Structures are given as C-alpha cells and as structure tokens.
Amino acid sequence: VQLVESGGGLVQPGGSLRLSCAASGSIFKIYTMGW
C-alpha cells in the first residue's frame, strides 16, 4: 500500500491549510487513516 500526501506549505500564524492523503494498492479494508 502506498500513501501520497499533498497540501503542505508555508502559512502565517492564524492561517489555514488543508492536507490530503490518498491510499493506493491492494486494500481489502481500511481500519483507520490519520495524521
């Protein structure tokens, strides 16, 4: 299974950012995903 993250970067204090992570490969069941 491979995980590919995206969305990181530089932000100012008080700002917002969204990270994403996509799983690929042979997956029968995902129990949890997290950061």
PDB file of all heavy atoms in Angstrom:
ATOM      1  N   VAL A   1       0.843  -1.179   0.000  1.00  0.00           N
ATOM      2  CA  VAL A   1       0.000   0.000   0.000  1.00  0.00           C
ATOM      3  C   VAL A   1       0.883   1.236   0.000  1.00  0.00           C
ATOM      4  O   VAL A   1       1.882   1.293   0.722  1.00  0.00           O
ATOM      5  CB  VAL A   1      -0.943   0.017   1.215  1.00  0.00           C
ATOM      6  CG1 VAL A   1      -1.742   1.316   1.268  1.00  0.00           C
ATOM      7  CG2 VAL A   1      -1.871  -1.189   1.168  1.00  0.00           C
ATOM      8  N   GLN A   2       0.510   2.220  -0.794  1.00  0.00           N
ATOM      9  CA  GLN A   2       1.245   3.471  -0.855  1.00  0.00           C
ATOM     10  C   GLN A   2       0.349   4.622  -0.433  1.00  0.00           C
ATOM     11  O   GLN A   2      -0.842   4.646  -0.742  1.00  0.00           O
ATOM     12  CB  GLN A   2       1.782   3.724  -2.261  1.00  0.00           C
ATOM     13  CG  GLN A   2       2.842   2.727  -2.705  1.00  0.00           C
ATOM     14  CD  GLN A   2       3.381   3.021  -4.085  1.00  0.00           C
ATOM     15  OE1 GLN A   2       2.764   3.738  -4.867  1.00  0.00           O
ATOM     16  NE2 GLN A   2       4.539   2.468  -4.382  1.00  0.00           N
ATOM     17  N   LEU A   3       0.941   5.587   0.258  1.00  0.00           N
ATOM     18  CA  LEU A   3       0.249   6.784   0.691  1.00  0.00           C
ATOM     19  C   LEU A   3       0.954   7.993   0.111  1.00  0.00           C
ATOM     20  O   LEU A   3       2.172   8.116   0.230  1.00  0.00           O
ATOM     21  CB  LEU A   3       0.227   6.888   2.215  1.00  0.00           C
ATOM     22  CG  LEU A   3      -0.456   5.745   2.975  1.00  0.00           C
ATOM     23  CD1 LEU A   3      -0.264   5.922   4.475  1.00  0.00           C
ATOM     24  CD2 LEU A   3      -1.936   5.695   2.635  1.00  0.00           C
ATOM     25  N   VAL A   4       0.198   8.883  -0.505  1.00  0.00           N
ATOM     26  CA  VAL A   4       0.751  10.081  -1.110  1.00  0.00           C
ATOM     27  C   VAL A   4       0.094  11.300  -0.480  1.00  0.00           C
ATOM     28  O   VAL A   4      -1.119  11.480  -0.587  1.00  0.00           O
ATOM     29  CB  VAL A   4       0.549  10.101  -2.632  1.00  0.00           C
ATOM     30  CG1 VAL A   4       1.122  11.374  -3.228  1.00  0.00           C
ATOM     31  CG2 VAL A   4       1.213   8.884  -3.262  1.00  0.00           C
ATOM     32  N   GLU A   5       0.902  12.130   0.172  1.00  0.00           N
ATOM     33  CA  GLU A   5       0.411  13.329   0.834  1.00  0.00           C
ATOM     34  C   GLU A   5       0.600  14.551  -0.054  1.00  0.00           C
ATOM     35  O   GLU A   5       1.509  14.604  -0.883  1.00  0.00           O
ATOM     36  CB  GLU A   5       1.147  13.570   2.162  1.00  0.00           C
ATOM     37  CG  GLU A   5       1.063  12.416   3.141  1.00  0.00           C
ATOM     38  CD  GLU A   5       2.406  11.790   3.397  1.00  0.00           C
ATOM     39  OE1 GLU A   5       3.223  11.715   2.455  1.00  0.00           O
ATOM     40  OE2 GLU A   5       2.654  11.375   4.542  1.00  0.00           O
ATOM     41  N   SER A   6      -0.247  15.546   0.163  1.00  0.00           N
ATOM     42  CA  SER A   6      -0.114  16.816  -0.527  1.00  0.00           C
ATOM     43  C   SER A   6      -0.769  17.904   0.312  1.00  0.00           C
ATOM     44  O   SER A   6      -1.537  17.620   1.228  1.00  0.00           O
ATOM     45  CB  SER A   6      -0.734  16.771  -1.920  1.00  0.00           C
ATOM     46  OG  SER A   6      -2.127  16.535  -1.849  1.00  0.00           O
ATOM     47  N   GLY A   7      -0.464  19.153  -0.015  1.00  0.00           N
ATOM     48  CA  GLY A   7      -1.113  20.281   0.625  1.00  0.00           C
ATOM     49  C   GLY A   7      -0.271  21.049   1.618  1.00  0.00           C
ATOM     50  O   GLY A   7      -0.717  22.079   2.133  1.00  0.00           O
ATOM     51  N   GLY A   8       0.929  20.583   1.900  1.00  0.00           N
ATOM     52  CA  GLY A   8       1.786  21.301   2.826  1.00  0.00           C
ATOM     53  C   GLY A   8       2.304  22.593   2.228  1.00  0.00           C
ATOM     54  O   GLY A   8       2.218  22.827   1.022  1.00  0.00           O
ATOM     55  N   GLY A   9       2.840  23.443   3.086  1.00  0.00           N
ATOM     56  CA  GLY A   9       3.376  24.703   2.628  1.00  0.00           C
ATOM     57  C   GLY A   9       3.617  25.664   3.760  1.00  0.00           C
ATOM     58  O   GLY A   9       3.622  25.290   4.933  1.00  0.00           O
ATOM     59  N   LEU A  10       3.819  26.926   3.398  1.00  0.00           N
ATOM     60  CA  LEU A  10       4.080  27.999   4.350  1.00  0.00           C
ATOM     61  C   LEU A  10       2.830  28.835   4.539  1.00  0.00           C
ATOM     62  O   LEU A  10       2.229  29.299   3.556  1.00  0.00           O
ATOM     63  CB  LEU A  10       5.229  28.871   3.845  1.00  0.00           C
ATOM     64  CG  LEU A  10       5.541  30.129   4.646  1.00  0.00           C
ATOM     65  CD1 LEU A  10       6.034  29.776   6.040  1.00  0.00           C
ATOM     66  CD2 LEU A  10       6.569  30.981   3.905  1.00  0.00           C
ATOM     67  N   VAL A  11       2.441  29.031   5.793  1.00  0.00           N
ATOM     68  CA  VAL A  11       1.293  29.868   6.120  1.00  0.00           C
ATOM     69  C   VAL A  11       1.644  30.763   7.294  1.00  0.00           C
ATOM     70  O   VAL A  11       2.528  30.456   8.097  1.00  0.00           O
ATOM     71  CB  VAL A  11       0.033  29.044   6.448  1.00  0.00           C
ATOM     72  CG1 VAL A  11      -0.433  28.262   5.231  1.00  0.00           C
ATOM     73  CG2 VAL A  11       0.302  28.099   7.608  1.00  0.00           C
ATOM     74  N   GLN A  12       0.932  31.877   7.406  1.00  0.00           N
ATOM     75  CA  GLN A  12       1.125  32.787   8.523  1.00  0.00           C
ATOM     76  C   GLN A  12       0.344  32.317   9.741  1.00  0.00           C
ATOM     77  O   GLN A  12      -0.649  31.589   9.610  1.00  0.00           O
ATOM     78  CB  GLN A  12       0.679  34.199   8.143  1.00  0.00           C
ATOM     79  CG  GLN A  12       1.523  34.838   7.054  1.00  0.00           C
ATOM     80  CD  GLN A  12       1.127  36.271   6.777  1.00  0.00           C
ATOM     81  OE1 GLN A  12       0.096  36.739   7.249  1.00  0.00           O
ATOM     82  NE2 GLN A  12       1.947  36.967   6.022  1.00  0.00           N
ATOM     83  N   PRO A  13       0.784  32.681  10.940  1.00  0.00           N
ATOM     84  CA  PRO A  13       0.002  32.345  12.129  1.00  0.00           C
ATOM     85  C   PRO A  13      -1.436  32.817  11.997  1.00  0.00           C
ATOM     86  O   PRO A  13      -1.699  33.931  11.544  1.00  0.00           O
ATOM     87  CB  PRO A  13       0.735  33.084  13.249  1.00  0.00           C
ATOM     88  CG  PRO A  13       2.139  33.192  12.760  1.00  0.00           C
ATOM     89  CD  PRO A  13       2.029  33.387  11.269  1.00  0.00           C
ATOM     90  N   GLY A  14      -2.362  31.955  12.406  1.00  0.00           N
ATOM     91  CA  GLY A  14      -3.776  32.243  12.262  1.00  0.00           C
ATOM     92  C   GLY A  14      -4.361  31.804  10.941  1.00  0.00           C
ATOM     93  O   GLY A  14      -5.591  31.834  10.777  1.00  0.00           O
ATOM     94  N   GLY A  15      -3.524  31.386  10.024  1.00  0.00           N
ATOM     95  CA  GLY A  15      -3.979  30.956   8.718  1.00  0.00           C
ATOM     96  C   GLY A  15      -4.488  29.532   8.716  1.00  0.00           C
ATOM     97  O   GLY A  15      -4.538  28.858   9.744  1.00  0.00           O
ATOM     98  N   SER A  16      -4.847  29.077   7.517  1.00  0.00           N
ATOM     99  CA  SER A  16      -5.422  27.752   7.344  1.00  0.00           C
ATOM    100  C   SER A  16      -4.701  26.994   6.246  1.00  0.00           C
ATOM    101  O   SER A  16      -4.102  27.585   5.342  1.00  0.00           O
ATOM    102  CB  SER A  16      -6.916  27.847   7.000  1.00  0.00           C
ATOM    103  OG  SER A  16      -7.648  28.489   8.020  1.00  0.00           O
ATOM    104  N   LEU A  17      -4.790  25.679   6.330  1.00  0.00           N
ATOM    105  CA  LEU A  17      -4.166  24.808   5.351  1.00  0.00           C
ATOM    106  C   LEU A  17      -4.925  23.495   5.343  1.00  0.00           C
ATOM    107  O   LEU A  17      -5.438  23.063   6.387  1.00  0.00           O
ATOM    108  CB  LEU A  17      -2.701  24.574   5.703  1.00  0.00           C
ATOM    109  CG  LEU A  17      -1.714  24.180   4.598  1.00  0.00           C
ATOM    110  CD1 LEU A  17      -1.618  25.272   3.548  1.00  0.00           C
ATOM    111  CD2 LEU A  17      -0.350  23.907   5.199  1.00  0.00           C
ATOM    112  N   ARG A  18      -5.003  22.858   4.184  1.00  0.00           N
ATOM    113  CA  ARG A  18      -5.631  21.549   4.086  1.00  0.00           C
ATOM    114  C   ARG A  18      -4.654  20.537   3.515  1.00  0.00           C
ATOM    115  O   ARG A  18      -4.117  20.728   2.423  1.00  0.00           O
ATOM    116  CB  ARG A  18      -6.891  21.579   3.218  1.00  0.00           C
ATOM    117  CG  ARG A  18      -7.672  20.258   3.286  1.00  0.00           C
ATOM    118  CD  ARG A  18      -8.887  20.228   2.382  1.00  0.00           C
ATOM    119  NE  ARG A  18      -8.529  19.965   0.999  1.00  0.00           N
ATOM    120  CZ  ARG A  18      -9.383  19.581   0.060  1.00  0.00           C
ATOM    121  NH1 ARG A  18     -10.680  19.434   0.369  1.00  0.00           N
ATOM    122  NH2 ARG A  18      -8.978  19.375  -1.176  1.00  0.00           N
ATOM    123  N   LEU A  19      -4.444  19.468   4.246  1.00  0.00           N
ATOM    124  CA  LEU A  19      -3.624  18.362   3.798  1.00  0.00           C
ATOM    125  C   LEU A  19      -4.516  17.242   3.274  1.00  0.00           C
ATOM    126  O   LEU A  19      -5.629  17.039   3.759  1.00  0.00           O
ATOM    127  CB  LEU A  19      -2.763  17.819   4.936  1.00  0.00           C
ATOM    128  CG  LEU A  19      -1.893  18.817   5.700  1.00  0.00           C
ATOM    129  CD1 LEU A  19      -1.082  18.078   6.769  1.00  0.00           C
ATOM    130  CD2 LEU A  19      -0.989  19.581   4.758  1.00  0.00           C
ATOM    131  N   SER A  20      -4.015  16.513   2.299  1.00  0.00           N
ATOM    132  CA  SER A  20      -4.728  15.359   1.794  1.00  0.00           C
ATOM    133  C   SER A  20      -3.767  14.188   1.667  1.00  0.00           C
ATOM    134  O   SER A  20      -2.561  14.361   1.487  1.00  0.00           O
ATOM    135  CB  SER A  20      -5.391  15.647   0.449  1.00  0.00           C
ATOM    136  OG  SER A  20      -4.430  15.928  -0.553  1.00  0.00           O
ATOM    137  N   CYS A  21      -4.315  12.992   1.756  1.00  0.00           N
ATOM    138  CA  CYS A  21      -3.529  11.771   1.649  1.00  0.00           C
ATOM    139  C   CYS A  21      -4.375  10.723   0.949  1.00  0.00           C
ATOM    140  O   CYS A  21      -5.463  10.383   1.432  1.00  0.00           O
ATOM    141  CB  CYS A  21      -3.102  11.281   3.033  1.00  0.00           C
ATOM    142  SG  CYS A  21      -2.310   9.656   3.032  1.00  0.00           S
ATOM    143  N   ALA A  22      -3.869  10.212  -0.155  1.00  0.00           N
ATOM    144  CA  ALA A  22      -4.568   9.202  -0.932  1.00  0.00           C
ATOM    145  C   ALA A  22      -3.857   7.863  -0.810  1.00  0.00           C
ATOM    146  O   ALA A  22      -2.641   7.776  -1.003  1.00  0.00           O
ATOM    147  CB  ALA A  22      -4.652   9.615  -2.393  1.00  0.00           C
ATOM    148  N   ALA A  23      -4.610   6.834  -0.507  1.00  0.00           N
ATOM    149  CA  ALA A  23      -4.078   5.482  -0.401  1.00  0.00           C
ATOM    150  C   ALA A  23      -4.329   4.721  -1.691  1.00  0.00           C
ATOM    151  O   ALA A  23      -5.400   4.829  -2.294  1.00  0.00           O
ATOM    152  CB  ALA A  23      -4.712   4.749   0.772  1.00  0.00           C
ATOM    153  N   SER A  24      -3.341   3.945  -2.102  1.00  0.00           N
ATOM    154  CA  SER A  24      -3.483   3.132  -3.301  1.00  0.00           C
ATOM    155  C   SER A  24      -2.816   1.786  -3.086  1.00  0.00           C
ATOM    156  O   SER A  24      -2.003   1.614  -2.175  1.00  0.00           O
ATOM    157  CB  SER A  24      -2.886   3.837  -4.522  1.00  0.00           C
ATOM    158  OG  SER A  24      -1.493   4.039  -4.364  1.00  0.00           O
ATOM    159  N   GLY A  25      -3.136   0.837  -3.955  1.00  0.00           N
ATOM    160  CA  GLY A  25      -2.598  -0.506  -3.850  1.00  0.00           C
ATOM    161  C   GLY A  25      -3.688  -1.507  -3.518  1.00  0.00           C
ATOM    162  O   GLY A  25      -4.878  -1.230  -3.667  1.00  0.00           O
ATOM    163  N   SER A  26      -3.259  -2.669  -3.082  1.00  0.00           N
ATOM    164  CA  SER A  26      -4.193  -3.728  -2.725  1.00  0.00           C
ATOM    165  C   SER A  26      -4.712  -3.494  -1.315  1.00  0.00           C
ATOM    166  O   SER A  26      -3.982  -3.673  -0.334  1.00  0.00           O
ATOM    167  CB  SER A  26      -3.516  -5.092  -2.830  1.00  0.00           C
ATOM    168  OG  SER A  26      -3.099  -5.363  -4.157  1.00  0.00           O
ATOM    169  N   ILE A  27      -5.953  -3.081  -1.220  1.00  0.00           N
ATOM    170  CA  ILE A  27      -6.574  -2.779   0.065  1.00  0.00           C
ATOM    171  C   ILE A  27      -7.898  -3.514   0.154  1.00  0.00           C
ATOM    172  O   ILE A  27      -8.798  -3.289  -0.653  1.00  0.00           O
ATOM    173  CB  ILE A  27      -6.792  -1.274   0.252  1.00  0.00           C
ATOM    174  CG1 ILE A  27      -5.468  -0.512   0.140  1.00  0.00           C
ATOM    175  CG2 ILE A  27      -7.457  -1.005   1.597  1.00  0.00           C
ATOM    176  CD1 ILE A  27      -5.621   0.990   0.170  1.00  0.00           C
ATOM    177  N   PHE A  28      -8.009  -4.375   1.127  1.00  0.00           N
ATOM    178  CA  PHE A  28      -9.261  -5.056   1.385  1.00  0.00           C
ATOM    179  C   PHE A  28     -10.158  -4.226   2.301  1.00  0.00           C
ATOM    180  O   PHE A  28     -11.363  -4.119   2.066  1.00  0.00           O
ATOM    181  CB  PHE A  28      -9.007  -6.442   1.988  1.00  0.00           C
ATOM    182  CG  PHE A  28     -10.255  -7.182   2.362  1.00  0.00           C
ATOM    183  CD1 PHE A  28     -11.065  -7.734   1.387  1.00  0.00           C
ATOM    184  CD2 PHE A  28     -10.621  -7.340   3.689  1.00  0.00           C
ATOM    185  CE1 PHE A  28     -12.222  -8.419   1.709  1.00  0.00           C
ATOM    186  CE2 PHE A  28     -11.775  -8.027   4.033  1.00  0.00           C
ATOM    187  CZ  PHE A  28     -12.575  -8.568   3.045  1.00  0.00           C
ATOM    188  N   LYS A  29      -9.557  -3.657   3.327  1.00  0.00           N
ATOM    189  CA  LYS A  29     -10.319  -2.851   4.274  1.00  0.00           C
ATOM    190  C   LYS A  29      -9.394  -1.840   4.927  1.00  0.00           C
ATOM    191  O   LYS A  29      -8.277  -2.169   5.306  1.00  0.00           O
ATOM    192  CB  LYS A  29     -10.960  -3.735   5.344  1.00  0.00           C
ATOM    193  CG  LYS A  29     -11.752  -2.975   6.402  1.00  0.00           C
ATOM    194  CD  LYS A  29     -12.370  -3.927   7.406  1.00  0.00           C
ATOM    195  CE  LYS A  29     -13.071  -3.181   8.524  1.00  0.00           C
ATOM    196  NZ  LYS A  29     -14.222  -2.392   8.010  1.00  0.00           N
ATOM    197  N   ILE A  30      -9.859  -0.611   5.051  1.00  0.00           N
ATOM    198  CA  ILE A  30      -9.148   0.425   5.787  1.00  0.00           C
ATOM    199  C   ILE A  30      -9.764   0.532   7.172  1.00  0.00           C
ATOM    200  O   ILE A  30     -10.945   0.848   7.303  1.00  0.00           O
ATOM    201  CB  ILE A  30      -9.216   1.779   5.069  1.00  0.00           C
ATOM    202  CG1 ILE A  30      -8.531   1.697   3.703  1.00  0.00           C
ATOM    203  CG2 ILE A  30      -8.582   2.866   5.930  1.00  0.00           C
ATOM    204  CD1 ILE A  30      -8.602   2.983   2.906  1.00  0.00           C
ATOM    205  N   TYR A  31      -8.966   0.267   8.195  1.00  0.00           N
ATOM    206  CA  TYR A  31      -9.448   0.393   9.563  1.00  0.00           C
ATOM    207  C   TYR A  31      -9.398   1.840  10.030  1.00  0.00           C
ATOM    208  O   TYR A  31     -10.380   2.359  10.571  1.00  0.00           O
ATOM    209  CB  TYR A  31      -8.640  -0.497  10.501  1.00  0.00           C
ATOM    210  CG  TYR A  31      -8.892  -1.968  10.298  1.00  0.00           C
ATOM    211  CD1 TYR A  31      -7.955  -2.774   9.660  1.00  0.00           C
ATOM    212  CD2 TYR A  31     -10.068  -2.552  10.737  1.00  0.00           C
ATOM    213  CE1 TYR A  31      -8.191  -4.121   9.466  1.00  0.00           C
ATOM    214  CE2 TYR A  31     -10.310  -3.902  10.546  1.00  0.00           C
ATOM    215  CZ  TYR A  31      -9.370  -4.682   9.910  1.00  0.00           C
ATOM    216  OH  TYR A  31      -9.609  -6.021   9.717  1.00  0.00           O
ATOM    217  N   THR A  32      -8.250   2.466   9.853  1.00  0.00           N
ATOM    218  CA  THR A  32      -8.096   3.858  10.219  1.00  0.00           C
ATOM    219  C   THR A  32      -7.199   4.570   9.211  1.00  0.00           C
ATOM    220  O   THR A  32      -6.365   3.963   8.571  1.00  0.00           O
ATOM    221  CB  THR A  32      -7.477   4.039  11.616  1.00  0.00           C
ATOM    222  OG1 THR A  32      -6.140   3.522  11.618  1.00  0.00           O
ATOM    223  CG2 THR A  32      -8.302   3.320  12.678  1.00  0.00           C
ATOM    224  N   MET A  33      -7.386   5.878   9.112  1.00  0.00           N
ATOM    225  CA  MET A  33      -6.445   6.755   8.436  1.00  0.00           C
ATOM    226  C   MET A  33      -6.233   7.957   9.339  1.00  0.00           C
ATOM    227  O   MET A  33      -7.156   8.381  10.035  1.00  0.00           O
ATOM    228  CB  MET A  33      -6.946   7.203   7.065  1.00  0.00           C
ATOM    229  CG  MET A  33      -7.117   6.073   6.071  1.00  0.00           C
ATOM    230  SD  MET A  33      -7.454   6.649   4.372  1.00  0.00           S
ATOM    231  CE  MET A  33      -5.801   7.188   3.882  1.00  0.00           C
ATOM    232  N   GLY A  34      -5.030   8.477   9.332  1.00  0.00           N
ATOM    233  CA  GLY A  34      -4.770   9.588  10.218  1.00  0.00           C
ATOM    234  C   GLY A  34      -3.497  10.330   9.881  1.00  0.00           C
ATOM    235  O   GLY A  34      -2.852  10.077   8.859  1.00  0.00           O
ATOM    236  N   TRP A  35      -3.177  11.252  10.762  1.00  0.00           N
ATOM    237  CA  TRP A  35      -2.025  12.114  10.589  1.00  0.00           C
ATOM    238  C   TRP A  35      -1.183  12.151  11.848  1.00  0.00           C
ATOM    239  O   TRP A  35      -1.715  12.269  12.961  1.00  0.00           O
ATOM    240  CB  TRP A  35      -2.464  13.541  10.247  1.00  0.00           C
ATOM    241  CG  TRP A  35      -3.153  13.647   8.925  1.00  0.00           C
ATOM    242  CD1 TRP A  35      -4.483  13.558   8.681  1.00  0.00           C
ATOM    243  CD2 TRP A  35      -2.522  13.858   7.658  1.00  0.00           C
ATOM    244  NE1 TRP A  35      -4.736  13.705   7.335  1.00  0.00           N
ATOM    245  CE2 TRP A  35      -3.542  13.889   6.684  1.00  0.00           C
ATOM    246  CE3 TRP A  35      -1.197  14.026   7.255  1.00  0.00           C
ATOM    247  CZ2 TRP A  35      -3.271  14.085   5.331  1.00  0.00           C
ATOM    248  CZ3 TRP A  35      -0.934  14.213   5.910  1.00  0.00           C
ATOM    249  CH2 TRP A  35      -1.962  14.239   4.964  1.00  0.00           C
TER     250      TRP A  35
END
